[in-house]
Amino acid sequence: SLPCPMNGHRPSLETDAATELRLMWQRRPADCFDTQDRLNPSTPEKMGKRQSTQTERVEALATVRPQSDGLAALYARAEQAEGDFARFFDQSLDLLCVTGFDGYFKRLNQAWTTCLGWTEGELQARPFLDFVHPEDHKLTLAEVDRLGEDGVTVLFENRYRHGDGSYRWLQWNARSLGGSQRIYAAARDVTRLKRLEREVLDIADREQER
């Protein structure tokens, strides 16, 4: 027969459930509280644990914030350095360029347009050898090959075609990085200097003929 509710007994199903809940509560982690505990802690121990947890969180945030500030400062310095380099590259009076081993310009500064009259897009659209004087093709290719082997070119000279059809003498210093398949170079327009040299030689020749 079923136990009578009036004599203080309950069905075994309810007794088992209540027992399980009580055991779960006893096994709970020490720092876990139910919703009521969080909203209305009823013992000094619970209050102390809650305050301890909050203090640990504040200390953790205090530790992270300087690290975040340090990263922000690092990023700011990196952006500043990148901006300085971009301005240096673009505003340089020398003809600066990055050239690929495939024979095409990858990056040029404004000085190229000022010196040769071609736009950056026009210079990048064709192999750079197309702009070199035909008489200088062989020397230029030999220098590029040597640059690939030795990694450095100093004071190499050749002639580049201007947009108006005339030619400008350029004097090169360059370095290659084989791993990146790139040549980093700086050139100067020495056309005037070459003209003066030619005039001096002509004068010397005329003096010898007298």
Protein backbone atom coordinates (compact mmCIF):
# COMPACT_ATOMS: atom_id res chain seq x y z
CA SER A 1 0.00 0.00 0.00
CA LEU A 2 1.06 3.64 -0.60
CA PRO A 3 2.32 5.64 2.39
CA CYS A 4 -0.21 8.11 3.69
CA PRO A 5 0.78 11.78 3.29
CA MET A 6 -0.87 12.53 6.65
CA ASN A 7 1.65 10.47 8.61
CA GLY A 8 4.69 12.55 7.39
CA HIS A 9 5.95 10.16 4.72
CA ARG A 10 6.52 11.10 1.03
CA PRO A 11 6.90 8.95 -2.03
CA SER A 12 10.42 7.66 -2.57
CA LEU A 13 10.76 9.61 -5.89
CA GLU A 14 10.48 12.95 -4.08
CA THR A 15 12.85 11.79 -1.35
CA ASP A 16 15.49 10.77 -3.92
CA ALA A 17 15.19 14.10 -5.79
CA ALA A 18 15.54 16.13 -2.61
CA THR A 19 18.57 14.11 -1.58
CA GLU A 20 20.23 14.62 -4.96
CA LEU A 21 19.65 18.38 -4.83
CA ARG A 22 21.13 18.55 -1.35
CA LEU A 23 24.22 16.60 -2.44
CA MET A 24 24.66 18.78 -5.53
CA TRP A 25 24.55 21.86 -3.33
CA GLN A 26 27.13 20.44 -0.96
CA ARG A 27 29.45 19.52 -3.85
CA ARG A 28 29.24 22.94 -5.50
CA PRO A 29 32.54 24.93 -5.93
CA ALA A 30 33.25 27.23 -3.05
CA ASP A 31 33.17 30.34 -5.25
CA CYS A 32 29.86 29.46 -6.97
CA PHE A 33 26.67 31.10 -5.68
CA ASP A 34 23.13 30.89 -6.88
CA THR A 35 21.29 33.95 -8.08
CA GLN A 36 19.98 34.71 -4.62
CA ASP A 37 23.48 34.53 -3.13
CA ARG A 38 24.75 37.08 -5.68
CA LEU A 39 21.88 39.45 -5.13
CA ASN A 40 21.65 39.11 -1.37
CA PRO A 41 24.67 37.43 0.25
CA SER A 42 23.58 36.43 3.70
CA THR A 43 26.87 35.63 5.45
CA PRO A 44 30.15 37.49 6.01
CA GLU A 45 31.94 34.61 4.33
CA LYS A 46 29.92 35.07 1.15
CA MET A 47 30.49 38.83 1.30
CA GLY A 48 34.22 38.29 1.69
CA LYS A 49 34.42 35.90 -1.24
CA ARG A 50 32.44 38.28 -3.43
CA GLN A 51 34.69 41.21 -2.58
CA SER A 52 37.78 39.06 -3.11
CA THR A 53 36.56 38.09 -6.59
CA GLN A 54 35.88 41.72 -7.50
CA THR A 55 39.33 42.75 -6.23
CA GLU A 56 40.99 40.09 -8.35
CA ARG A 57 39.11 41.32 -11.43
CA VAL A 58 40.17 44.93 -10.79
CA GLU A 59 43.79 43.84 -10.33
CA ALA A 60 43.63 41.82 -13.57
CA LEU A 61 42.26 44.83 -15.48
CA ALA A 62 44.97 47.04 -13.97
CA THR A 63 47.56 44.60 -15.30
CA VAL A 64 46.05 44.39 -18.80
CA ARG A 65 45.60 48.14 -19.26
CA PRO A 66 49.34 49.02 -19.30
CA GLN A 67 49.92 46.19 -21.76
CA SER A 68 47.17 47.59 -24.01
CA ASP A 69 48.64 51.08 -23.69
CA GLY A 70 52.06 49.67 -24.61
CA LEU A 71 50.67 47.99 -27.73
CA ALA A 72 48.89 51.19 -28.73
CA ALA A 73 52.13 53.15 -28.37
CA LEU A 74 53.98 50.51 -30.41
CA TYR A 75 51.41 50.69 -33.20
CA ALA A 76 51.59 54.49 -33.14
CA ARG A 77 55.38 54.41 -33.52
CA ALA A 78 55.10 51.90 -36.37
CA GLU A 79 52.60 54.12 -38.19
CA GLN A 80 54.84 57.14 -37.65
CA ALA A 81 57.86 55.28 -39.05
CA GLU A 82 55.87 54.10 -42.06
CA GLY A 83 54.66 57.64 -42.71
CA ASP A 84 58.19 59.03 -42.42
CA PHE A 85 59.49 56.47 -44.90
CA ALA A 86 56.66 57.17 -47.36
CA ARG A 87 57.35 60.92 -47.21
CA PHE A 88 61.09 60.37 -47.59
CA PHE A 89 60.56 58.09 -50.58
CA ASP A 90 58.06 60.36 -52.33
CA GLN A 91 59.83 63.67 -51.68
CA SER A 92 63.39 62.57 -52.43
CA LEU A 93 65.13 64.46 -55.23
CA ASP A 94 66.88 61.24 -56.28
CA LEU A 95 65.07 58.81 -58.56
CA LEU A 96 64.14 55.99 -56.17
CA CYS A 97 62.65 52.73 -57.34
CA VAL A 98 61.93 49.12 -56.52
CA THR A 99 62.39 46.83 -59.51
CA GLY A 100 61.53 43.15 -59.89
CA PHE A 101 63.80 40.52 -61.36
CA ASP A 102 61.13 40.24 -64.07
CA GLY A 103 62.36 43.56 -65.50
CA TYR A 104 59.44 45.77 -64.40
CA PHE A 105 59.34 48.70 -62.02
CA LYS A 106 57.29 47.91 -58.91
CA ARG A 107 57.44 51.29 -57.20
CA LEU A 108 58.72 54.73 -58.22
CA ASN A 109 58.78 58.14 -56.63
CA GLN A 110 57.71 61.46 -58.11
CA ALA A 111 61.27 62.35 -59.16
CA TRP A 112 60.96 59.94 -62.09
CA THR A 113 58.13 61.93 -63.62
CA THR A 114 59.97 65.20 -62.95
CA CYS A 115 63.13 63.92 -64.63
CA LEU A 116 61.78 61.86 -67.54
CA GLY A 117 58.28 63.19 -68.15
CA TRP A 118 56.61 59.76 -67.93
CA THR A 119 53.87 59.02 -65.42
CA GLU A 120 54.38 56.29 -62.87
CA GLY A 121 51.80 54.15 -64.64
CA GLU A 122 53.55 54.53 -68.00
CA LEU A 123 56.89 53.55 -66.52
CA GLN A 124 55.42 50.50 -64.80
CA ALA A 125 53.47 49.31 -67.82
CA ARG A 126 56.54 48.30 -69.83
CA PRO A 127 59.88 46.60 -69.11
CA PHE A 128 62.37 49.19 -67.93
CA LEU A 129 64.71 48.18 -70.76
CA ASP A 130 62.24 49.78 -73.18
CA PHE A 131 63.27 53.17 -71.80
CA VAL A 132 67.02 52.51 -72.00
CA HIS A 133 69.01 53.82 -74.95
CA PRO A 134 69.51 51.00 -77.50
CA GLU A 135 73.28 51.44 -77.33
CA ASP A 136 73.16 50.85 -73.56
CA HIS A 137 71.03 47.67 -73.60
CA LYS A 138 73.94 45.26 -73.51
CA LEU A 139 75.75 47.08 -70.69
CA THR A 140 72.53 47.43 -68.70
CA LEU A 141 71.65 43.74 -68.95
CA ALA A 142 75.19 42.76 -67.97
CA GLU A 143 74.99 45.05 -64.93
CA VAL A 144 71.63 43.60 -63.90
CA ASP A 145 73.09 40.09 -64.14
CA ARG A 146 76.08 41.12 -62.06
CA LEU A 147 73.76 42.77 -59.56
CA GLY A 148 71.91 39.47 -59.18
CA GLU A 149 75.22 37.74 -58.37
CA ASP A 150 77.05 40.31 -56.24
CA GLY A 151 74.07 42.17 -54.84
CA VAL A 152 75.53 45.69 -55.27
CA THR A 153 75.95 48.22 -58.07
CA VAL A 154 77.82 51.49 -57.58
CA LEU A 155 78.00 54.46 -59.99
CA PHE A 156 76.71 52.59 -63.03
CA GLU A 157 75.63 54.94 -65.83
CA ASN A 158 73.20 54.55 -68.72
CA ARG A 159 70.78 56.66 -70.73
CA TYR A 160 67.01 56.74 -70.26
CA ARG A 161 64.56 58.12 -72.79
CA HIS A 162 62.59 61.21 -71.87
CA GLY A 163 58.94 61.56 -72.84
CA ASP A 164 59.95 64.12 -75.49
CA GLY A 165 62.28 61.61 -77.19
CA SER A 166 65.57 62.96 -75.83
CA TYR A 167 67.77 61.02 -73.43
CA ARG A 168 68.97 61.64 -69.89
CA TRP A 169 72.11 60.18 -68.35
CA LEU A 170 71.37 58.41 -65.06
CA GLN A 171 73.94 57.31 -62.50
CA TRP A 172 72.88 54.32 -60.38
CA ASN A 173 73.52 52.85 -56.96
CA ALA A 174 71.56 49.69 -56.28
CA ARG A 175 71.28 46.63 -54.10
CA SER A 176 69.40 43.40 -54.76
CA LEU A 177 67.74 41.01 -52.34
CA GLY A 178 67.53 37.60 -53.97
CA GLY A 179 65.01 36.21 -51.53
CA SER A 180 62.51 38.95 -52.32
CA GLN A 181 63.29 39.03 -56.07
CA ARG A 182 63.64 42.81 -55.76
CA ILE A 183 66.22 45.46 -56.66
CA TYR A 184 66.28 48.64 -54.56
CA ALA A 185 67.92 51.48 -56.44
CA ALA A 186 68.60 55.21 -56.43
CA ALA A 187 69.57 57.14 -59.55
CA ARG A 188 70.64 60.71 -60.26
CA ASP A 189 70.32 62.74 -63.41
CA VAL A 190 73.92 63.48 -64.43
CA THR A 191 73.11 64.72 -67.94
CA ARG A 192 74.49 68.16 -67.19
CA LEU A 193 77.70 66.72 -65.78
CA LYS A 194 78.16 64.50 -68.83
CA ARG A 195 77.65 67.50 -71.07
CA LEU A 196 80.30 69.47 -69.19
CA GLU A 197 82.67 66.51 -69.43
CA ARG A 198 82.07 66.38 -73.15
CA GLU A 199 82.76 70.09 -73.51
CA VAL A 200 86.00 69.79 -71.54
CA LEU A 201 87.13 66.89 -73.76
CA ASP A 202 86.24 68.84 -76.90
CA ILE A 203 88.29 71.79 -75.70
CA ALA A 204 91.21 69.50 -74.92
CA ASP A 205 90.99 67.92 -78.40
CA ARG A 206 91.00 71.33 -80.07
CA GLU A 207 94.02 72.40 -78.06
CA GLN A 208 95.90 69.29 -79.18
CA GLU A 209 95.08 70.00 -82.82
CA ARG A 210 96.68 73.45 -82.73
